[in-house]
Protein backbone atom coordinates (compact mmCIF):
# COMPACT_ATOMS: atom_id res chain seq x y z
CA UNK A 1 87.78 65.31 134.40
CA UNK A 2 89.71 67.13 131.42
CA UNK A 3 88.38 70.78 130.23
CA UNK A 4 86.55 71.33 127.37
CA UNK A 5 88.76 74.50 126.90
CA UNK A 6 91.73 72.99 125.06
CA UNK A 7 89.59 71.36 122.78
CA UNK A 8 87.48 74.47 121.85
CA UNK A 9 90.80 76.59 121.72
CA UNK A 10 91.75 74.27 118.81
CA UNK A 11 88.51 73.91 117.31
CA UNK A 12 88.34 77.98 117.06
CA UNK A 13 92.46 77.85 115.81
CA UNK A 14 91.48 75.34 113.30
CA UNK A 15 88.71 77.18 112.31
CA UNK A 16 90.51 80.37 111.79
CA UNK A 17 92.94 78.14 109.64
CA UNK A 18 90.46 77.01 107.61
CA UNK A 19 89.89 80.74 106.30
CA UNK A 20 93.46 81.36 106.01
CA UNK A 21 93.79 80.35 102.21
CA UNK A 22 91.20 82.56 100.81
CA UNK A 23 92.76 86.09 102.76
CA UNK A 24 96.56 84.84 102.69
CA UNK A 25 95.77 84.53 98.65
CA UNK A 26 94.39 88.03 98.57
CA UNK A 27 97.37 89.62 100.64
CA UNK A 28 99.96 87.44 99.07
CA UNK A 29 102.44 89.02 96.47
CA UNK A 30 101.96 87.94 92.85
CA UNK A 31 105.22 85.62 91.91
CA UNK A 32 107.01 86.14 88.65
CA UNK A 33 106.80 83.06 86.40
CA UNK A 34 103.98 81.77 88.43
CA UNK A 35 101.22 84.48 88.16
CA UNK A 36 102.71 86.65 85.19
CA UNK A 37 105.59 86.90 82.93
CA UNK A 38 107.68 90.02 82.69
CA UNK A 39 108.25 91.13 79.46
CA UNK A 40 111.67 92.34 78.68
CA UNK A 41 111.47 96.07 77.42
CA UNK A 42 107.61 95.49 77.29
CA UNK A 43 105.78 98.75 76.10
CA UNK A 44 102.00 99.47 76.25
CA UNK A 45 100.02 98.63 72.74
CA UNK A 46 98.16 102.03 72.42
CA UNK A 47 99.92 104.27 75.39
CA UNK A 48 97.36 107.07 76.47
CA UNK A 49 99.14 109.56 79.15
CA UNK A 50 98.24 108.73 82.90
CA UNK A 51 96.60 105.53 81.87
CA UNK A 52 97.67 102.23 83.01
CA UNK A 53 97.09 100.01 79.56
CA UNK A 54 95.60 96.45 80.00
CA UNK A 55 95.50 94.48 76.40
CA UNK A 56 93.23 91.75 75.49
CA UNK A 57 94.67 89.63 72.89
CA UNK A 58 91.66 87.57 71.57
CA UNK A 59 90.08 86.23 68.48
CA UNK A 60 86.56 85.90 67.35
CA UNK A 61 87.09 82.28 66.27
CA UNK A 62 88.52 81.37 69.54
CA UNK A 63 85.88 79.35 71.68
CA UNK A 64 87.77 80.27 74.80
CA UNK A 65 87.74 83.96 74.21
CA UNK A 66 83.85 83.40 73.41
CA UNK A 67 83.41 81.94 77.03
CA UNK A 68 85.60 84.95 78.35
CA UNK A 69 83.94 87.57 76.68
CA UNK A 70 81.02 87.73 79.28
CA UNK A 71 83.71 87.89 82.48
CA UNK A 72 85.91 90.34 80.98
CA UNK A 73 83.21 92.66 79.66
CA UNK A 74 81.73 92.83 83.29
CA UNK A 75 85.28 92.89 84.71
CA UNK A 76 86.10 96.06 82.35
CA UNK A 77 83.15 97.75 82.97
CA UNK A 78 84.33 98.15 86.64
CA UNK A 79 87.79 99.23 86.20
CA UNK A 80 88.67 102.95 87.27
CA UNK A 81 89.60 105.91 85.34
CA UNK A 82 92.94 105.57 85.00
CA UNK A 83 92.91 101.69 83.23
CA UNK A 84 92.65 101.85 79.54
CA UNK A 85 91.12 98.48 78.22
CA UNK A 86 92.27 97.83 74.78
CA UNK A 87 90.95 94.79 73.06
CA UNK A 88 93.51 93.34 70.16
CA UNK A 89 92.48 90.78 67.67
CA UNK A 90 95.15 88.37 67.16
CA UNK A 91 96.16 88.04 63.53
CA UNK A 92 97.86 84.72 63.71
CA UNK A 93 96.71 84.02 60.10
CA UNK A 94 94.42 81.58 58.38
CA UNK A 95 90.76 82.47 59.42
CA UNK A 96 91.96 84.42 62.21
CA UNK A 97 92.53 87.20 59.61
CA UNK A 98 89.11 88.10 58.30
CA UNK A 99 87.67 88.24 61.42
CA UNK A 100 90.62 90.48 63.10
CA UNK A 101 89.89 92.60 59.81
CA UNK A 102 86.01 92.70 60.73
CA UNK A 103 87.03 94.11 64.27
CA UNK A 104 88.84 97.02 62.54
CA UNK A 105 86.63 97.78 60.03
CA UNK A 106 83.76 97.83 62.81
CA UNK A 107 85.81 100.19 65.00
CA UNK A 108 86.31 102.41 61.89
CA UNK A 109 82.35 102.79 61.49
CA UNK A 110 82.11 102.95 65.39
CA UNK A 111 80.20 99.70 65.63
CA UNK A 112 82.09 97.89 68.06
CA UNK A 113 79.64 98.53 71.00
CA UNK A 114 76.69 96.84 69.23
CA UNK A 115 78.76 94.03 67.70
CA UNK A 116 81.73 92.66 69.83
CA UNK A 117 79.68 90.34 71.68
CA UNK A 118 76.94 89.77 68.88
CA UNK A 119 80.23 88.20 66.39
CA UNK A 120 81.02 85.74 69.10
CA UNK A 121 77.24 84.67 69.38
CA UNK A 122 77.04 84.50 65.78
CA UNK A 123 80.04 81.87 65.81
CA UNK A 124 79.65 79.79 68.56
CA UNK A 125 76.14 80.06 69.32
CA UNK A 126 73.79 80.73 66.41
CA UNK A 127 76.35 79.42 63.88
CA UNK A 128 75.22 82.21 61.42
CA UNK A 129 78.80 82.72 60.60
CA UNK A 130 81.34 80.32 59.41
CA UNK A 131 84.61 80.23 61.44
CA UNK A 132 86.56 79.50 58.41
CA UNK A 133 86.29 80.38 54.87
CA UNK A 134 84.47 83.58 55.83
CA UNK A 135 84.25 85.88 52.80
CA UNK A 136 84.47 89.97 53.50
CA UNK A 137 80.80 89.66 51.66
CA UNK A 138 79.29 87.28 53.96
CA UNK A 139 81.21 88.82 57.27
CA UNK A 140 79.95 92.70 56.06
CA UNK A 141 76.34 91.00 55.57
CA UNK A 142 76.75 90.07 59.27
CA UNK A 143 77.56 93.31 60.34
CA UNK A 144 74.97 95.53 57.96
CA UNK A 145 72.23 94.34 60.29
CA UNK A 146 73.91 96.42 62.87
CA UNK A 147 73.96 99.58 60.67
CA UNK A 148 77.36 99.01 58.78
CA UNK A 149 77.91 100.22 55.08
CA UNK A 150 78.52 96.83 53.17
CA UNK A 151 80.79 98.35 50.56
CA UNK A 152 82.48 100.42 52.82
CA UNK A 153 82.73 97.88 55.48
CA UNK A 154 84.50 95.56 52.73
CA UNK A 155 86.73 98.16 51.69
CA UNK A 156 87.66 99.07 55.09
CA UNK A 157 88.46 95.05 55.82
CA UNK A 158 91.10 95.30 52.88
CA UNK A 159 92.55 98.99 53.66
CA UNK A 160 95.89 99.69 54.17
CA UNK A 161 95.11 101.06 57.21
CA UNK A 162 93.67 97.80 58.61
CA UNK A 163 96.66 95.99 57.68
CA UNK A 164 98.79 98.39 59.36
CA UNK A 165 96.90 97.69 62.59
CA UNK A 166 97.15 94.16 62.16
CA UNK A 167 100.76 94.72 61.83
CA UNK A 168 101.15 96.53 64.89
CA UNK A 169 99.53 93.70 66.63
CA UNK A 170 101.79 91.09 64.99
CA UNK A 171 104.95 92.87 66.61
CA UNK A 172 103.18 93.52 69.77
CA UNK A 173 102.39 89.81 70.33
CA UNK A 174 105.87 88.62 68.90
CA UNK A 175 107.56 91.03 71.56
CA UNK A 176 104.93 90.21 74.23
CA UNK A 177 105.28 86.35 74.07
CA UNK A 178 101.69 85.89 73.17
CA UNK A 179 101.18 82.39 71.79
CA UNK A 180 97.19 81.87 72.32
CA UNK A 181 94.09 83.43 73.03
CA UNK A 182 92.88 84.89 75.39
CA UNK A 183 95.59 86.67 76.71
CA UNK A 184 96.06 89.78 79.06
CA UNK A 185 98.78 92.11 79.35
CA UNK A 186 99.06 94.58 81.90
CA UNK A 187 101.16 97.80 80.87
CA UNK A 188 102.90 96.33 78.27
CA UNK A 189 105.04 94.79 80.89
CA UNK A 190 103.29 91.62 82.28
CA UNK A 191 101.67 88.77 80.34
CA UNK A 192 99.57 87.46 82.86
CA UNK A 193 98.94 83.85 83.58
CA UNK A 194 96.13 81.79 85.31
CA UNK A 195 94.69 78.44 85.63
CA UNK A 196 91.04 79.60 85.28
CA UNK A 197 89.55 82.96 83.87
CA UNK A 198 88.74 84.20 87.44
CA UNK A 199 92.33 84.04 88.10
CA UNK A 200 93.15 85.55 85.34
CA UNK A 201 91.28 88.73 86.07
CA UNK A 202 92.29 88.69 89.68
CA UNK A 203 95.97 88.66 88.52
CA UNK A 204 95.25 91.38 86.01
CA UNK A 205 93.91 93.75 88.78
CA UNK A 206 96.59 92.86 91.45
CA UNK A 207 98.98 93.79 88.22
CA UNK A 208 97.32 97.16 87.69
CA UNK A 209 97.67 97.85 91.45
CA UNK A 210 101.47 96.96 91.27
CA UNK A 211 101.94 99.33 88.35
CA UNK A 212 99.97 102.14 90.01
CA UNK A 213 101.97 101.74 93.31
CA UNK A 214 105.05 101.96 90.95
CA UNK A 215 103.84 104.99 89.41
CA UNK A 216 103.26 106.73 92.84
CA UNK A 217 106.71 106.23 94.03
CA UNK A 218 108.41 107.25 90.67
CA UNK A 219 106.43 110.50 90.75
CA UNK A 220 107.23 110.94 94.41
CA UNK A 221 110.69 110.83 93.71
């Protein structure tokens, strides 16, 4: 009669092997070109001393960004103190521009905390704002419900300061190779790749760890 031990041992090995993909994935190093793209001579968008920057390039009119928003919002709330999260509205042109301008106008009036998620909802769920052909007055009217000064909001949307921010974003997107949204960029050096939102966030977190380790090594030397 054959012993049951070999089959039991094999079952145990196979059971352990079945768990390996998850643990191996967590421990495996990131691969350039597969998990991220290294940006030549990359620089942070808004550098802060002692901070590792994570930029989210997004567009309010982008449905994928609307779906990503709840996940990235929860993720950024748990980031450690040495990480700076910077949302950057993409000024790709056309109907992207008014809402990118609105982001900066809302920022100038300290309204982003109240309005960021609300704009996504208005565009993609409630349809109380139009994705295309939105006028500054129409957008400002929406923000007025959250405390915006309508006339000042319209002025801020079209101001030289806002245009300078849009131009800064254009240059950042161009040198970072951003062609779509949402896109995450870590430390200005790494453009995150991912097949899902969850994978994108996991990779961004691993890149933050990689950059943190690099900074520690540099400080030690």
